[in-house]
Amino acid sequence: MILDCPICKSRIKTYQDNLSPGQYFFYCPSCDNELSFLYDIQKHTIIMATAVLPKDQINYNFDKSLGGVTRNYEDMIQIIIPDKTKSLLQIKEIEERKAELKSLEKERESEEKRKALEQKRILEEKKIKGKNEIDTKLNYNQTNAAVQETIKSIDEKSTNTFTDPRDGKIYKTVKIGNQVWMAENLNYDAGNDSWFYDNNPENGKKYGRLYQWETAKKVAPKGWHLPSKNEFMTLLNNLGGEGTNAYKQIIPVGSSGFNALFGGYRANDGNFYNIGNYATFWSSSEDSEDLAWECNVDSSYKRAYLGYNFENYGYSVRCVKD
């Protein structure tokens, strides 16, 4: 039978006492320890054991009535050396094992705390993520609503159109107050008394044509007309009145949607002036012989105002709906 020494754990072969059947003993040369025990082979039970611990030379006797039955070595060690008679080495081993178990318990508690904290962190992140998603969705909805409202406003002001049945040209229109205006300069070929700026058709694509006053009075398509002085005054008053207030809203980047284009003009000497800086629109109202009222938009002084000039000048035309 092979056993480990209960003191130093060296593997030691036991020997059977030939004079006493069932009696075994061993000697450990590593720690000078002796152990003898009586073993019931049929019942596989240690009946009695005696350990001699050389450190203090105390014999520890074991009786079946004190320790119980054992079938393995570790149980046998507990029986051979009962709780009240543990060796110092055994006590040290037990204390080390207790410390190890305590350390493992602390590690387990720390791991549980770490898992709990991690779970809490995940829940907090989910809450924050959920809140952010709600805030983002809310902000998106608010922004989207604002964008849609802006688009709707632009559509109402700038994307309504009118098609001139005479030549098929399409003009944007805008409603300002109770008036509906063309939001582009008229570009209808009226013959000899209408011109492109510098006689260049490319300028007509953006700025339309320039007309003498007599022609301007007759050039509007059906359902539209050349606005009077009073209708222009109503327009300017709707935009804050003559001067800077109306100017800021009537120009292309203004909020009114009128989109006054600085198409310049043709003087009575046949020369063209101030494209990109000055816009003049004929009214149907005559001031006196050879003079008619106009609406001026001047980028140099940033003003929109009414004035009058010679009827043989070439100015832009903006039509207002009947």
Protein backbone atom coordinates (compact mmCIF):
# COMPACT_ATOMS: atom_id res chain seq x y z
CA MET A 1 0.00 0.00 0.00
CA ILE A 2 1.38 3.44 -0.97
CA LEU A 3 0.62 6.51 1.20
CA ASP A 4 1.79 10.12 1.43
CA CYS A 5 3.57 11.13 4.56
CA PRO A 6 1.08 13.27 6.58
CA ILE A 7 3.92 15.68 7.50
CA CYS A 8 6.01 16.25 4.38
CA LYS A 9 3.73 14.62 1.74
CA SER A 10 6.49 12.33 0.45
CA ARG A 11 5.21 9.17 -1.20
CA ILE A 12 6.08 6.27 1.15
CA LYS A 13 5.52 2.56 0.70
CA THR A 14 3.91 0.84 3.70
CA TYR A 15 4.77 -2.57 4.95
CA GLN A 16 2.55 -5.22 6.50
CA ASP A 17 3.53 -6.60 9.87
CA ASN A 18 3.93 -10.35 9.35
CA LEU A 19 3.28 -11.07 13.00
CA SER A 20 0.06 -9.03 13.17
CA PRO A 21 -2.32 -9.45 10.17
CA GLY A 22 -3.89 -6.17 9.11
CA GLN A 23 -1.19 -4.16 10.87
CA TYR A 24 0.74 -1.75 8.61
CA PHE A 25 3.52 0.71 9.28
CA PHE A 26 5.85 3.06 7.44
CA TYR A 27 8.82 5.25 8.18
CA CYS A 28 9.48 8.55 6.35
CA PRO A 29 13.21 9.30 6.13
CA SER A 30 12.48 12.83 4.87
CA CYS A 31 10.90 14.07 8.10
CA ASP A 32 11.69 11.20 10.45
CA ASN A 33 7.99 10.37 10.93
CA GLU A 34 6.58 7.00 11.86
CA LEU A 35 3.02 5.81 11.34
CA SER A 36 1.47 2.49 12.20
CA PHE A 37 -2.14 1.56 11.73
CA LEU A 38 -4.47 -1.43 11.85
CA TYR A 39 -6.46 -1.89 8.65
CA ASP A 40 -9.51 -4.12 8.13
CA ILE A 41 -9.06 -5.38 4.56
CA GLN A 42 -12.58 -6.76 4.27
CA LYS A 43 -14.26 -3.58 5.48
CA HIS A 44 -11.58 -1.26 4.01
CA THR A 45 -11.49 0.50 7.36
CA ILE A 46 -8.68 1.89 9.52
CA ILE A 47 -9.37 0.55 12.98
CA MET A 48 -6.53 2.11 14.95
CA ALA A 49 -3.57 4.30 14.07
CA THR A 50 -0.61 5.76 15.93
CA ALA A 51 1.45 8.70 14.63
CA VAL A 52 4.77 9.73 16.12
CA LEU A 53 5.65 13.35 15.36
CA PRO A 54 9.37 13.75 15.98
CA LYS A 55 9.15 17.53 16.66
CA ASP A 56 7.57 17.05 20.06
CA GLN A 57 7.70 13.25 20.28
CA ILE A 58 4.01 13.04 21.18
CA ASN A 59 2.08 9.94 20.22
CA TYR A 60 -1.43 10.52 18.82
CA ASN A 61 -3.58 7.44 19.14
CA PHE A 62 -6.73 6.96 17.09
CA ASP A 63 -9.60 4.69 17.97
CA LYS A 64 -12.57 3.90 15.71
CA SER A 65 -14.99 5.28 18.32
CA LEU A 66 -13.29 8.71 18.17
CA GLY A 67 -12.96 9.24 14.44
CA GLY A 68 -15.21 7.09 12.31
CA VAL A 69 -14.57 5.12 9.12
CA THR A 70 -12.28 6.25 6.32
CA ARG A 71 -11.60 4.96 2.82
CA ASN A 72 -9.15 7.51 1.48
CA TYR A 73 -5.94 9.05 2.53
CA GLU A 74 -7.12 12.60 3.30
CA ASP A 75 -9.93 11.33 5.49
CA MET A 76 -7.39 9.13 7.20
CA ILE A 77 -5.15 12.10 7.98
CA GLN A 78 -8.10 13.88 9.63
CA ILE A 79 -8.71 10.74 11.67
CA ILE A 80 -5.10 10.12 12.55
CA ILE A 81 -4.67 13.70 13.78
CA PRO A 82 -8.03 14.85 15.32
CA ASP A 83 -8.92 18.56 15.55
CA LYS A 84 -7.68 18.91 19.13
CA THR A 85 -4.30 17.37 18.30
CA LYS A 86 -3.38 18.99 14.99
CA SER A 87 0.30 19.46 14.32
CA LEU A 88 1.65 22.97 13.79
CA LEU A 89 2.18 22.14 10.13
CA GLN A 90 -1.42 20.99 9.73
CA ILE A 91 -2.67 24.14 11.47
CA LYS A 92 -0.52 26.25 9.15
CA GLU A 93 -1.90 24.40 6.12
CA ILE A 94 -5.47 24.88 7.33
CA GLU A 95 -4.91 28.58 7.97
CA GLU A 96 -3.34 28.98 4.54
CA ARG A 97 -6.31 27.19 3.00
CA LYS A 98 -8.71 29.42 4.94
CA ALA A 99 -6.82 32.48 3.73
CA GLU A 100 -6.94 31.15 0.19
CA LEU A 101 -10.68 30.52 0.44
CA LYS A 102 -11.18 34.00 1.91
CA SER A 103 -9.16 35.49 -0.91
CA LEU A 104 -11.20 33.53 -3.46
CA GLU A 105 -14.40 34.72 -1.75
CA LYS A 106 -13.21 38.32 -1.96
CA GLU A 107 -12.32 37.81 -5.60
CA ARG A 108 -15.76 36.33 -6.20
CA GLU A 109 -17.41 39.26 -4.40
CA SER A 110 -15.25 41.69 -6.37
CA GLU A 111 -16.19 39.94 -9.60
CA GLU A 112 -19.87 40.09 -8.65
CA LYS A 113 -19.52 43.80 -7.83
CA ARG A 114 -17.68 44.35 -11.12
CA LYS A 115 -20.44 42.54 -13.01
CA ALA A 116 -23.09 44.56 -11.13
CA LEU A 117 -21.27 47.80 -11.95
CA GLU A 118 -20.86 46.74 -15.56
CA GLN A 119 -24.56 45.90 -15.76
CA LYS A 120 -25.39 49.27 -14.21
CA ARG A 121 -23.07 51.00 -16.69
CA ILE A 122 -24.76 49.18 -19.60
CA LEU A 123 -28.20 50.18 -18.31
CA GLU A 124 -27.08 53.79 -17.93
CA GLU A 125 -25.65 53.75 -21.46
CA LYS A 126 -28.93 52.34 -22.75
CA LYS A 127 -30.84 55.08 -20.91
CA ILE A 128 -28.51 57.76 -22.30
CA LYS A 129 -28.67 56.22 -25.76
CA GLY A 130 -32.45 56.03 -25.55
CA LYS A 131 -32.64 59.65 -24.38
CA ASN A 132 -30.25 60.73 -27.12
CA GLU A 133 -32.31 58.85 -29.68
CA ILE A 134 -35.46 60.53 -28.38
CA ASP A 135 -33.74 63.94 -28.35
CA THR A 136 -32.29 63.31 -31.80
CA LYS A 137 -35.67 62.20 -33.12
CA LEU A 138 -37.34 65.20 -31.46
CA ASN A 139 -34.73 67.58 -32.85
CA TYR A 140 -35.05 65.92 -36.25
CA ASN A 141 -38.82 66.24 -36.16
CA GLN A 142 -38.59 69.86 -35.08
CA THR A 143 -35.93 70.63 -37.68
CA ASN A 144 -37.81 68.71 -40.33
CA ALA A 145 -41.02 70.56 -39.48
CA ALA A 146 -39.16 73.88 -39.73
CA VAL A 147 -37.62 72.85 -43.04
CA GLN A 148 -40.97 71.72 -44.39
CA GLU A 149 -42.53 75.00 -43.26
CA THR A 150 -39.74 76.94 -45.00
CA ILE A 151 -40.17 74.86 -48.15
CA LYS A 152 -43.90 75.42 -47.99
CA SER A 153 -43.35 79.16 -47.61
CA ILE A 154 -40.91 79.19 -50.53
CA ASP A 155 -43.31 77.12 -52.61
CA GLU A 156 -46.12 79.51 -51.86
CA LYS A 157 -43.98 82.51 -52.77
CA SER A 158 -41.67 81.29 -55.49
CA THR A 159 -42.72 78.09 -57.22
CA ASN A 160 -46.17 79.05 -58.50
CA THR A 161 -45.83 79.60 -62.22
CA PHE A 162 -47.58 81.09 -65.21
CA THR A 163 -47.06 79.98 -68.80
CA ASP A 164 -47.38 82.70 -71.43
CA PRO A 165 -49.57 81.12 -74.13
CA ARG A 166 -48.06 83.40 -76.79
CA ASP A 167 -44.58 81.87 -76.74
CA GLY A 168 -44.69 79.15 -74.07
CA LYS A 169 -42.30 80.92 -71.70
CA ILE A 170 -42.82 80.03 -68.03
CA TYR A 171 -42.64 82.70 -65.31
CA LYS A 172 -42.50 82.24 -61.54
CA THR A 173 -45.15 84.15 -59.61
CA VAL A 174 -45.47 85.34 -56.02
CA LYS A 175 -48.29 86.67 -53.87
CA ILE A 176 -47.43 89.73 -51.75
CA GLY A 177 -50.33 91.02 -49.72
CA ASN A 178 -53.37 90.81 -52.00
CA GLN A 179 -51.33 91.20 -55.17
CA VAL A 180 -49.97 88.42 -57.39
CA TRP A 181 -46.80 89.46 -59.23
CA MET A 182 -44.53 87.88 -61.79
CA ALA A 183 -41.31 87.05 -59.98
CA GLU A 184 -39.28 87.39 -63.20
CA ASN A 185 -38.82 90.13 -65.77
CA LEU A 186 -40.97 89.79 -68.88
CA ASN A 187 -39.15 88.36 -71.90
CA TYR A 188 -41.69 88.67 -74.71
CA ASP A 189 -40.54 89.77 -78.17
CA ALA A 190 -42.54 92.92 -78.94
CA GLY A 191 -40.62 93.87 -82.07
CA ASN A 192 -38.60 97.05 -82.65
CA ASP A 193 -39.42 98.69 -79.33
CA SER A 194 -38.03 95.89 -77.15
CA TRP A 195 -34.35 95.00 -76.66
CA PHE A 196 -31.97 92.64 -74.91
CA TYR A 197 -29.34 94.47 -72.84
CA ASP A 198 -26.42 95.18 -75.19
CA ASN A 199 -28.58 93.43 -77.84
CA ASN A 200 -27.25 90.13 -76.46
CA PRO A 201 -29.89 87.33 -76.19
CA GLU A 202 -27.88 85.69 -73.37
CA ASN A 203 -28.73 88.66 -71.13
CA GLY A 204 -32.41 88.05 -71.86
CA LYS A 205 -32.27 84.57 -70.28
CA LYS A 206 -31.77 86.13 -66.85
CA TYR A 207 -32.93 89.74 -67.12
CA GLY A 208 -35.67 89.57 -69.75
CA ARG A 209 -36.16 92.44 -72.24
CA LEU A 210 -36.21 96.24 -72.01
CA TYR A 211 -39.27 98.12 -73.39
CA GLN A 212 -40.24 101.69 -74.25
CA TRP A 213 -43.24 102.91 -72.24
CA GLU A 214 -45.88 102.78 -75.05
CA THR A 215 -44.89 99.19 -75.84
CA ALA A 216 -44.74 98.24 -72.14
CA LYS A 217 -48.40 99.22 -71.69
CA LYS A 218 -49.46 96.66 -74.32
CA VAL A 219 -46.99 93.81 -73.79
CA ALA A 220 -48.60 91.99 -70.80
CA PRO A 221 -50.22 88.60 -71.53
CA LYS A 222 -53.97 88.06 -71.09
CA GLY A 223 -55.03 88.09 -67.44
CA TRP A 224 -52.11 90.32 -66.48
CA HIS A 225 -51.33 94.04 -66.86
CA LEU A 226 -48.63 96.66 -66.40
CA PRO A 227 -48.99 97.90 -62.77
CA SER A 228 -49.99 101.47 -62.07
CA LYS A 229 -48.08 103.90 -59.86
CA ASN A 230 -50.51 103.15 -57.00
CA GLU A 231 -50.05 99.37 -57.39
CA PHE A 232 -46.29 99.81 -57.10
CA MET A 233 -46.81 102.00 -54.04
CA THR A 234 -48.98 99.26 -52.50
CA LEU A 235 -46.16 96.76 -53.16
CA LEU A 236 -43.55 98.95 -51.46
CA ASN A 237 -45.83 99.66 -48.49
CA ASN A 238 -46.39 95.90 -48.06
CA LEU A 239 -42.61 95.56 -47.84
CA GLY A 240 -42.09 98.31 -45.27
CA GLY A 241 -42.37 101.43 -47.37
CA GLU A 242 -40.08 103.24 -49.84
CA GLY A 243 -36.38 103.24 -49.05
CA THR A 244 -34.18 100.66 -47.33
CA ASN A 245 -36.95 98.52 -45.81
CA ALA A 246 -38.55 97.69 -49.15
CA TYR A 247 -35.14 97.38 -50.83
CA LYS A 248 -34.03 94.60 -48.44
CA GLN A 249 -37.12 92.53 -49.21
CA ILE A 250 -37.51 93.21 -52.92
CA ILE A 251 -34.00 92.23 -54.06
CA PRO A 252 -33.16 88.62 -55.10
CA VAL A 253 -31.98 87.57 -51.62
CA GLY A 254 -34.92 89.27 -49.92
CA SER A 255 -37.74 87.46 -48.16
CA SER A 256 -40.62 88.76 -50.31
CA GLY A 257 -39.96 86.49 -53.28
CA PHE A 258 -40.31 89.45 -55.70
CA ASN A 259 -36.71 88.87 -56.84
CA ALA A 260 -35.99 92.26 -58.43
CA LEU A 261 -33.32 91.65 -61.09
CA PHE A 262 -30.82 94.41 -61.83
CA GLY A 263 -31.33 94.38 -65.60
CA GLY A 264 -30.02 97.93 -66.23
CA TYR A 265 -31.71 100.18 -68.81
CA ARG A 266 -31.46 101.54 -72.35
CA ALA A 267 -31.14 105.33 -72.60
CA ASN A 268 -32.75 107.42 -75.33
CA ASP A 269 -29.32 107.67 -76.96
CA GLY A 270 -29.44 103.91 -77.67
CA ASN A 271 -26.74 102.98 -75.13
CA PHE A 272 -27.15 100.49 -72.28
CA TYR A 273 -26.22 101.17 -68.63
CA ASN A 274 -25.94 99.66 -65.13
CA ILE A 275 -26.74 95.97 -65.61
CA GLY A 276 -26.20 94.17 -62.32
CA ASN A 277 -26.56 97.40 -60.30
CA TYR A 278 -29.86 99.06 -61.21
CA ALA A 279 -33.41 97.90 -61.92
CA THR A 280 -36.26 100.09 -63.25
CA PHE A 281 -39.78 98.85 -63.90
CA TRP A 282 -42.32 100.82 -65.95
CA SER A 283 -45.70 101.69 -64.44
CA SER A 284 -48.78 102.38 -66.55
CA SER A 285 -49.17 105.85 -65.00
CA GLU A 286 -48.11 108.92 -66.98
CA ASP A 287 -46.80 111.96 -65.13
CA SER A 288 -46.89 114.46 -67.97
CA GLU A 289 -46.24 114.55 -71.68
CA ASP A 290 -43.23 112.35 -72.47
CA LEU A 291 -42.77 111.35 -68.80
CA ALA A 292 -44.10 108.25 -67.03
CA TRP A 293 -43.79 106.82 -63.53
CA GLU A 294 -41.41 103.96 -62.73
CA CYS A 295 -40.28 101.85 -59.76
CA ASN A 296 -36.52 102.04 -59.14
CA VAL A 297 -34.33 99.57 -57.21
CA ASP A 298 -30.85 101.05 -56.67
CA SER A 299 -28.10 98.79 -55.28
CA SER A 300 -25.66 101.72 -54.87
CA TYR A 301 -27.89 103.52 -52.33
CA LYS A 302 -29.85 100.40 -51.33
CA ARG A 303 -33.22 102.01 -51.90
CA ALA A 304 -36.47 101.10 -53.61
CA TYR A 305 -38.61 104.11 -54.60
CA LEU A 306 -40.90 105.61 -57.23
CA GLY A 307 -39.78 108.17 -59.83
CA TYR A 308 -40.41 109.16 -63.44
CA ASN A 309 -38.42 109.45 -66.65
CA PHE A 310 -38.71 109.86 -70.40
CA GLU A 311 -41.05 107.43 -72.05
CA ASN A 312 -38.55 106.55 -74.81
CA TYR A 313 -36.15 104.96 -72.28
CA GLY A 314 -36.01 101.16 -72.26
CA TYR A 315 -36.95 99.66 -68.85
CA SER A 316 -37.87 96.20 -67.51
CA VAL A 317 -41.51 95.09 -67.14
CA ARG A 318 -43.06 93.25 -64.19
CA CYS A 319 -46.69 92.27 -64.67
CA VAL A 320 -49.32 92.07 -61.92
CA LYS A 321 -52.31 89.78 -62.14
CA ASP A 322 -55.73 91.27 -63.01
